[in-house]
Amino acid sequence: MSQDPAAPVGALTSVRVIDLSRVLGGPYCGQILADHGADVLKIEPPQGDETRTWGPPFENGVASYYMGLNRNKRGMRLDLTQPADREHLLQLLAEADVLLENFKTGTLEKWGLGYDTLKAKFPRLVHCRVSGYGADGPLGGLPGYDAAIQALSGIMSVNGEVGGEPLRVGLPVVDMVTGLNAVIGVLLALQERQRSGQGQFVEAALYDCGLSLLHPHAANWFGDGRVPGRTGNAHPNIYPYDAFPTGTVPVFLAVGNDRQFQQLCEVLGEPALAGDADFASAGDRSVHRARLRERLVSLMAPFDGEALVDQLSHKGVPCAPILDVPQALSHPHTAHRGMTVSLPGGYRGLASPIKLSRTPASYRLPPPADC
């Protein structure tokens, strides 16, 4: 999807953001704000955001990793160890609504740019920090990266095959959810500012956000005290919610209620299976999942996976073929939903999934090629 640079710039068109953050969580937050119209100025250190070098692949010497997180931002480089550049930053903050940063605790304070100092100078400023563990406590101030938080928060312990080793989720899910929560925090603070006239400090910590992702595993542990384990593709609570082979492509079934299970059995040509006492309810199917899986694997083996998905979906059974990334990005529904972006100069990226009817996201600027 291409975008007219002159198009309306969205719900946050009057919001000015200074983005001092680097790597993923903070820049992802800044990009979401920018997509929805905020004027985001990304300020990098003299050596640049380190993700500029996180490749290959590279696009005109800049890593695709960086390109995926910094669109719609203007660029600048400042050396905040230098008094003149710190003064320049203060001049920019005088006109800003939001400061976004992910410096280690104490760094900005050392430069005279800590929250208390900035609050006194700019009482309306919303100061958002993305951190690893927060500023205090047993792990306070320590550096945090996505994979380390996945390990520490329990996410890896429930990801992987049954009997296998703990496995990192194949996406930087903690970083991205932290970026989303940072956006939520900024918007909450801006909304509250309309009533009070005051800014505030917003923090989104990777550790907190990693723990927040533990549903339903945390709820299950609170409920019965059993240590959650790895279930591969299968859901820990409901079944069949798992990947199954077919005669062609593998298919993921996401059956969540009795009616869907009955429809599945009918399409597979074995309606009596839904009447089996071991499979009568969601709880029964979960308890007897091994036997149910064996039966479903046998029934699905002759089917063409794509045709089966089409038939089941139109019967109200949630399911999908398991696609790779190019297949997903090339899917007709991806185009229909406007979920890819292209800009003059060759930039391509993922579009915003947030759809607003009057003030939609817009795509105006490629990521800063240099600052």
Protein backbone atom coordinates (compact mmCIF):
# COMPACT_ATOMS: atom_id res chain seq x y z
CA MET A 1 0.00 0.00 0.00
CA SER A 2 1.40 3.40 -0.96
CA GLN A 3 0.47 6.61 0.84
CA ASP A 4 0.06 10.15 -0.43
CA PRO A 5 2.53 12.32 1.56
CA ALA A 6 -0.13 15.07 1.60
CA ALA A 7 -2.75 12.84 3.24
CA PRO A 8 -4.01 13.66 6.76
CA VAL A 9 -1.46 12.52 9.29
CA GLY A 10 -3.65 10.93 11.92
CA ALA A 11 -4.97 11.04 15.44
CA LEU A 12 -1.72 12.32 17.02
CA THR A 13 -1.00 15.07 14.51
CA SER A 14 -0.42 17.73 17.21
CA VAL A 15 1.87 15.57 19.40
CA ARG A 16 5.62 16.18 19.33
CA VAL A 17 7.92 13.35 20.42
CA ILE A 18 11.65 13.34 21.07
CA ASP A 19 12.81 9.74 20.64
CA LEU A 20 16.18 9.08 22.28
CA SER A 21 15.61 5.32 22.36
CA ARG A 22 17.59 2.68 20.51
CA VAL A 23 17.29 -1.01 19.57
CA LEU A 24 13.66 -2.27 19.62
CA GLY A 25 11.11 -1.53 22.37
CA GLY A 26 11.50 2.24 22.39
CA PRO A 27 11.86 2.70 18.61
CA TYR A 28 8.82 0.44 18.05
CA CYS A 29 6.81 2.68 20.38
CA GLY A 30 8.05 5.75 18.52
CA GLN A 31 7.13 4.29 15.14
CA ILE A 32 3.57 3.51 16.27
CA LEU A 33 3.16 7.09 17.51
CA ALA A 34 4.64 8.41 14.26
CA ASP A 35 2.40 6.25 12.07
CA HIS A 36 -0.58 7.86 13.76
CA GLY A 37 0.59 11.37 13.09
CA ALA A 38 2.97 12.35 15.88
CA ASP A 39 5.96 14.44 14.84
CA VAL A 40 8.77 12.14 16.02
CA LEU A 41 12.37 13.31 16.02
CA LYS A 42 14.74 10.38 16.49
CA ILE A 43 17.97 11.52 18.12
CA GLU A 44 20.81 9.02 17.85
CA PRO A 45 24.25 9.06 19.48
CA PRO A 46 27.23 9.94 17.26
CA GLN A 47 27.77 6.27 16.35
CA GLY A 48 24.09 5.80 15.55
CA ASP A 49 21.50 3.31 16.78
CA GLU A 50 23.31 -0.02 17.01
CA THR A 51 20.58 -1.76 15.02
CA ARG A 52 21.83 0.07 11.91
CA THR A 53 24.51 -2.65 11.86
CA TRP A 54 22.30 -5.64 12.76
CA GLY A 55 22.44 -7.47 9.46
CA PRO A 56 22.56 -8.73 6.86
CA PRO A 57 20.38 -7.92 5.07
CA PHE A 58 21.27 -4.28 4.50
CA GLU A 59 19.44 -1.66 2.44
CA ASN A 60 21.80 1.04 1.16
CA GLY A 61 24.18 0.23 3.98
CA VAL A 62 21.53 0.25 6.74
CA ALA A 63 20.30 -2.99 8.32
CA SER A 64 16.73 -4.04 7.55
CA TYR A 65 16.30 -4.51 11.31
CA TYR A 66 16.64 -0.75 11.80
CA MET A 67 14.45 -0.02 8.79
CA GLY A 68 11.59 -2.01 10.30
CA LEU A 69 11.38 0.16 13.44
CA ASN A 70 12.03 3.77 12.50
CA ARG A 71 9.76 4.89 9.69
CA ASN A 72 7.97 8.27 9.77
CA LYS A 73 10.71 9.78 11.97
CA ARG A 74 12.97 12.70 11.30
CA GLY A 75 16.60 12.13 12.27
CA MET A 76 19.35 13.90 14.18
CA ARG A 77 22.55 12.95 16.02
CA LEU A 78 23.59 14.48 19.33
CA ASP A 79 26.44 13.65 21.68
CA LEU A 80 24.80 14.06 25.08
CA THR A 81 28.16 13.81 26.81
CA GLN A 82 28.77 17.32 25.45
CA PRO A 83 27.19 20.35 27.21
CA ALA A 84 26.31 22.09 23.92
CA ASP A 85 24.37 19.06 22.69
CA ARG A 86 22.59 18.70 26.02
CA GLU A 87 21.53 22.32 25.74
CA HIS A 88 20.27 21.64 22.21
CA LEU A 89 18.19 18.77 23.56
CA LEU A 90 16.67 21.03 26.23
CA GLN A 91 15.68 23.50 23.53
CA LEU A 92 13.93 20.71 21.64
CA LEU A 93 12.18 19.46 24.79
CA ALA A 94 10.75 22.92 25.41
CA GLU A 95 8.49 22.31 22.38
CA ALA A 96 7.86 18.59 22.98
CA ASP A 97 4.97 16.66 24.49
CA VAL A 98 6.76 13.34 24.96
CA LEU A 99 10.31 12.22 25.68
CA LEU A 100 10.95 8.56 24.85
CA GLU A 101 14.20 6.99 26.05
CA ASN A 102 15.77 3.74 27.22
CA PHE A 103 18.98 4.84 28.91
CA LYS A 104 20.30 2.83 31.83
CA THR A 105 19.21 4.15 35.19
CA GLY A 106 21.41 7.05 36.25
CA THR A 107 22.71 7.98 32.81
CA LEU A 108 20.40 10.91 32.13
CA GLU A 109 20.66 11.94 35.78
CA LYS A 110 24.46 12.12 35.40
CA TRP A 111 23.98 14.57 32.53
CA GLY A 112 21.46 16.71 34.41
CA LEU A 113 18.59 15.36 32.29
CA GLY A 114 16.84 13.11 34.81
CA TYR A 115 13.09 13.08 35.29
CA ASP A 116 13.05 15.35 38.34
CA THR A 117 15.12 17.98 36.54
CA LEU A 118 13.06 17.81 33.36
CA LYS A 119 9.79 17.86 35.32
CA ALA A 120 10.80 21.14 36.94
CA LYS A 121 11.68 22.67 33.57
CA PHE A 122 8.84 21.15 31.53
CA PRO A 123 5.91 20.26 33.82
CA ARG A 124 3.70 19.18 30.89
CA LEU A 125 6.26 16.74 29.48
CA VAL A 126 5.37 13.04 29.42
CA HIS A 127 8.66 11.22 30.06
CA CYS A 128 8.50 7.58 28.92
CA ARG A 129 11.31 5.19 29.77
CA VAL A 130 11.64 1.68 28.37
CA SER A 131 13.86 -0.29 30.75
CA GLY A 132 14.97 -3.83 31.38
CA TYR A 133 13.98 -4.27 35.03
CA GLY A 134 13.03 -0.86 36.35
CA ALA A 135 15.25 1.41 38.40
CA ASP A 136 15.32 -0.41 41.74
CA GLY A 137 14.70 -3.75 43.40
CA PRO A 138 16.91 -6.87 43.25
CA LEU A 139 17.48 -6.49 39.49
CA GLY A 140 16.93 -2.75 39.21
CA GLY A 141 19.13 -0.92 36.73
CA LEU A 142 20.50 -4.04 35.06
CA PRO A 143 20.51 -4.22 31.26
CA GLY A 144 17.79 -6.34 29.68
CA TYR A 145 17.40 -7.85 26.23
CA ASP A 146 14.41 -9.73 24.89
CA ALA A 147 15.87 -13.25 24.99
CA ALA A 148 17.22 -12.84 28.52
CA ILE A 149 13.79 -11.70 29.70
CA GLN A 150 12.14 -14.61 27.90
CA ALA A 151 14.42 -16.89 29.90
CA LEU A 152 13.93 -15.19 33.26
CA SER A 153 10.19 -14.53 33.02
CA GLY A 154 9.24 -18.16 32.36
CA ILE A 155 8.32 -17.73 28.70
CA MET A 156 11.01 -20.11 27.46
CA SER A 157 9.97 -22.73 30.02
CA VAL A 158 6.57 -23.14 28.34
CA ASN A 159 7.80 -22.87 24.75
CA GLY A 160 9.11 -25.93 22.92
CA GLU A 161 8.24 -29.53 22.26
CA VAL A 162 6.98 -31.88 24.93
CA GLY A 163 10.06 -33.33 26.62
CA GLY A 164 12.32 -30.95 24.73
CA GLU A 165 14.53 -28.12 25.87
CA PRO A 166 13.15 -24.65 26.70
CA LEU A 167 12.99 -22.62 23.52
CA ARG A 168 13.07 -18.91 22.77
CA VAL A 169 9.98 -17.66 20.97
CA GLY A 170 11.07 -16.93 17.40
CA LEU A 171 10.00 -13.28 17.62
CA PRO A 172 11.24 -10.52 19.95
CA VAL A 173 7.85 -10.75 21.62
CA VAL A 174 8.89 -9.15 24.93
CA ASP A 175 10.47 -6.14 23.24
CA MET A 176 7.44 -5.64 21.00
CA VAL A 177 4.89 -5.96 23.79
CA THR A 178 6.97 -3.54 25.86
CA GLY A 179 6.81 -1.09 22.95
CA LEU A 180 3.04 -1.52 22.77
CA ASN A 181 2.68 -0.98 26.51
CA ALA A 182 4.85 2.11 26.24
CA VAL A 183 2.44 3.46 23.61
CA ILE A 184 -0.49 2.74 25.92
CA GLY A 185 1.27 4.47 28.81
CA VAL A 186 2.07 7.55 26.71
CA LEU A 187 -1.52 7.83 25.49
CA LEU A 188 -2.90 7.40 29.02
CA ALA A 189 -0.57 10.12 30.29
CA LEU A 190 -1.51 12.49 27.45
CA GLN A 191 -5.20 11.88 28.13
CA GLU A 192 -4.75 12.58 31.85
CA ARG A 193 -2.77 15.72 31.04
CA GLN A 194 -5.87 17.18 29.42
CA ARG A 195 -7.48 17.21 32.89
CA SER A 196 -4.53 18.06 35.12
CA GLY A 197 -2.26 20.04 32.82
CA GLN A 198 0.64 17.97 34.16
CA GLY A 199 2.93 15.45 32.53
CA GLN A 200 4.22 12.38 34.35
CA PHE A 201 6.78 9.60 34.25
CA VAL A 202 5.79 6.47 32.33
CA GLU A 203 7.82 3.28 32.53
CA ALA A 204 7.47 0.08 30.55
CA ALA A 205 9.93 -2.55 31.78
CA LEU A 206 10.74 -5.65 29.75
CA TYR A 207 10.63 -7.81 32.88
CA ASP A 208 7.11 -6.68 33.80
CA CYS A 209 5.90 -7.09 30.23
CA GLY A 210 7.43 -10.57 29.97
CA LEU A 211 5.56 -11.67 33.08
CA SER A 212 2.36 -10.11 31.76
CA LEU A 213 2.47 -12.50 28.78
CA LEU A 214 2.20 -15.65 30.89
CA HIS A 215 -1.51 -16.25 30.30
CA PRO A 216 -2.86 -18.90 30.73
CA HIS A 217 0.19 -20.44 32.39
CA ALA A 218 0.24 -18.08 35.37
CA ALA A 219 -3.52 -18.42 35.83
CA ASN A 220 -3.21 -22.20 35.69
CA TRP A 221 -0.46 -22.18 38.31
CA PHE A 222 -2.44 -19.85 40.55
CA GLY A 223 -5.36 -22.24 40.09
CA ASP A 224 -3.87 -25.65 40.87
CA GLY A 225 -0.20 -25.16 41.76
CA ARG A 226 1.11 -27.41 39.01
CA VAL A 227 4.24 -26.24 37.20
CA PRO A 228 3.32 -25.42 33.58
CA GLY A 229 5.34 -27.29 30.98
CA ARG A 230 5.97 -27.35 27.26
CA THR A 231 3.18 -28.55 25.01
CA GLY A 232 4.66 -27.95 21.56
CA ASN A 233 1.99 -26.53 19.26
CA ALA A 234 -0.82 -27.68 21.52
CA HIS A 235 -2.76 -25.40 23.85
CA PRO A 236 -2.38 -26.31 27.54
CA ASN A 237 -6.13 -25.97 28.30
CA ILE A 238 -8.18 -26.84 25.21
CA TYR A 239 -8.05 -29.44 22.44
CA PRO A 240 -7.90 -29.86 19.48
CA TYR A 241 -5.88 -26.65 19.41
CA ASP A 242 -2.82 -27.99 17.66
CA ALA A 243 -1.04 -28.51 14.34
CA PHE A 244 -1.99 -31.55 12.27
CA PRO A 245 -0.54 -33.06 9.08
CA THR A 246 -2.71 -33.53 6.01
CA GLY A 247 -2.08 -35.01 2.59
CA THR A 248 -0.55 -31.69 1.53
CA VAL A 249 0.13 -28.72 3.85
CA PRO A 250 0.01 -28.87 7.65
CA VAL A 251 -3.06 -27.29 9.22
CA PHE A 252 -3.60 -25.67 12.60
CA LEU A 253 -6.95 -26.37 14.22
CA ALA A 254 -8.14 -23.92 16.88
CA VAL A 255 -11.32 -25.60 18.15
CA GLY A 256 -12.63 -23.74 21.19
CA ASN A 257 -16.15 -25.06 21.81
CA ASP A 258 -18.44 -28.05 21.37
CA ARG A 259 -20.21 -26.75 18.26
CA GLN A 260 -16.91 -26.23 16.46
CA PHE A 261 -15.82 -29.74 17.39
CA GLN A 262 -19.08 -31.17 16.07
CA GLN A 263 -18.62 -29.32 12.78
CA LEU A 264 -15.04 -30.60 12.54
CA CYS A 265 -16.18 -34.19 12.98
CA GLU A 266 -18.87 -33.81 10.34
CA VAL A 267 -16.47 -32.35 7.77
CA LEU A 268 -14.00 -35.17 8.48
CA GLY A 269 -16.77 -37.69 7.83
CA GLU A 270 -17.00 -39.02 11.38
CA PRO A 271 -19.85 -37.20 13.18
CA ALA A 272 -20.06 -40.00 15.77
CA LEU A 273 -16.69 -38.91 17.15
CA ALA A 274 -18.37 -35.85 18.70
CA GLY A 275 -20.64 -38.18 20.65
CA ASP A 276 -17.78 -40.13 22.24
CA ALA A 277 -18.03 -39.66 26.01
CA ASP A 278 -14.29 -38.90 26.22
CA PHE A 279 -14.76 -35.94 23.86
CA ALA A 280 -18.15 -34.60 24.99
CA SER A 281 -16.86 -31.33 26.46
CA ALA A 282 -13.82 -29.09 26.18
CA GLY A 283 -12.50 -30.46 29.46
CA ASP A 284 -12.98 -34.06 28.32
CA ARG A 285 -11.18 -33.38 25.04
CA SER A 286 -8.28 -31.78 26.87
CA VAL A 287 -7.91 -34.69 29.30
CA HIS A 288 -8.09 -37.29 26.52
CA ARG A 289 -6.07 -35.32 23.97
CA ALA A 290 -3.61 -38.10 23.14
CA ARG A 291 -6.35 -40.44 21.95
CA LEU A 292 -8.14 -37.61 20.16
CA ARG A 293 -5.00 -36.50 18.37
CA GLU A 294 -4.33 -40.03 17.15
CA ARG A 295 -7.85 -40.23 15.70
CA LEU A 296 -7.71 -36.80 14.06
CA VAL A 297 -4.31 -37.46 12.47
CA SER A 298 -5.77 -40.57 10.86
CA LEU A 299 -8.91 -38.79 9.66
CA MET A 300 -7.07 -35.76 8.24
CA ALA A 301 -4.35 -37.69 6.43
CA PRO A 302 -6.23 -38.09 3.10
CA PHE A 303 -7.35 -34.45 2.87
CA ASP A 304 -5.84 -31.64 0.85
CA GLY A 305 -4.95 -29.14 3.59
CA GLU A 306 -5.94 -25.97 1.72
CA ALA A 307 -9.29 -27.42 0.67
CA LEU A 308 -9.95 -28.69 4.19
CA VAL A 309 -9.23 -25.27 5.68
CA ASP A 310 -11.63 -23.64 3.23
CA GLN A 311 -14.38 -26.11 4.07
CA LEU A 312 -13.88 -25.93 7.84
CA SER A 313 -13.61 -22.14 7.89
CA HIS A 314 -16.92 -21.75 6.11
CA LYS A 315 -18.46 -24.09 8.69
CA GLY A 316 -17.27 -21.79 11.48
CA VAL A 317 -14.25 -23.83 12.59
CA PRO A 318 -11.18 -21.62 13.20
CA CYS A 319 -8.19 -23.08 11.35
CA ALA A 320 -5.44 -22.15 8.93
CA PRO A 321 -2.70 -23.63 6.79
CA ILE A 322 0.76 -23.09 8.27
CA LEU A 323 2.49 -20.60 5.98
CA ASP A 324 6.03 -19.27 5.87
CA VAL A 325 6.75 -15.52 6.04
CA PRO A 326 6.80 -14.84 2.25
CA GLN A 327 3.55 -16.77 1.84
CA ALA A 328 1.91 -14.80 4.66
CA LEU A 329 3.06 -11.44 3.29
CA SER A 330 1.91 -12.40 -0.22
CA HIS A 331 -1.52 -13.63 0.89
CA PRO A 332 -4.43 -11.85 -0.83
CA HIS A 333 -5.96 -10.93 2.53
CA THR A 334 -2.70 -9.22 3.56
CA ALA A 335 -3.10 -6.95 0.55
CA HIS A 336 -6.81 -6.48 1.23
CA ARG A 337 -6.10 -5.37 4.81
CA GLY A 338 -3.42 -2.95 3.65
CA MET A 339 -0.81 -4.60 5.86
CA THR A 340 2.24 -3.78 3.76
CA VAL A 341 3.66 -0.34 2.98
CA SER A 342 5.76 0.91 0.10
CA LEU A 343 7.27 4.39 -0.22
CA PRO A 344 9.23 6.12 -2.97
CA GLY A 345 12.87 5.14 -2.86
CA GLY A 346 12.26 1.44 -2.34
CA TYR A 347 11.16 1.28 1.32
CA ARG A 348 8.86 -1.62 2.12
CA GLY A 349 7.53 -2.55 5.55
CA LEU A 350 4.63 -3.78 7.63
CA ALA A 351 1.71 -1.39 8.04
CA SER A 352 -0.03 -0.42 11.25
CA PRO A 353 -2.60 -2.97 12.44
CA ILE A 354 -4.54 -0.18 14.21
CA LYS A 355 -7.41 0.90 11.97
CA LEU A 356 -9.15 4.22 12.65
CA SER A 357 -12.04 5.28 10.41
CA ARG A 358 -11.49 9.06 10.32
CA THR A 359 -7.82 9.43 11.20
CA PRO A 360 -6.01 6.39 9.83
CA ALA A 361 -2.30 5.76 10.07
CA SER A 362 -0.21 7.35 7.34
CA TYR A 363 3.18 6.54 5.90
CA ARG A 364 5.12 9.66 5.06
CA LEU A 365 8.84 9.17 5.61
CA PRO A 366 11.22 6.23 5.26
CA PRO A 367 13.52 5.64 8.25
CA PRO A 368 16.35 8.20 8.53
CA ALA A 369 19.06 7.04 6.16
CA ASP A 370 21.51 9.09 8.20
CA CYS A 371 21.24 11.87 10.72
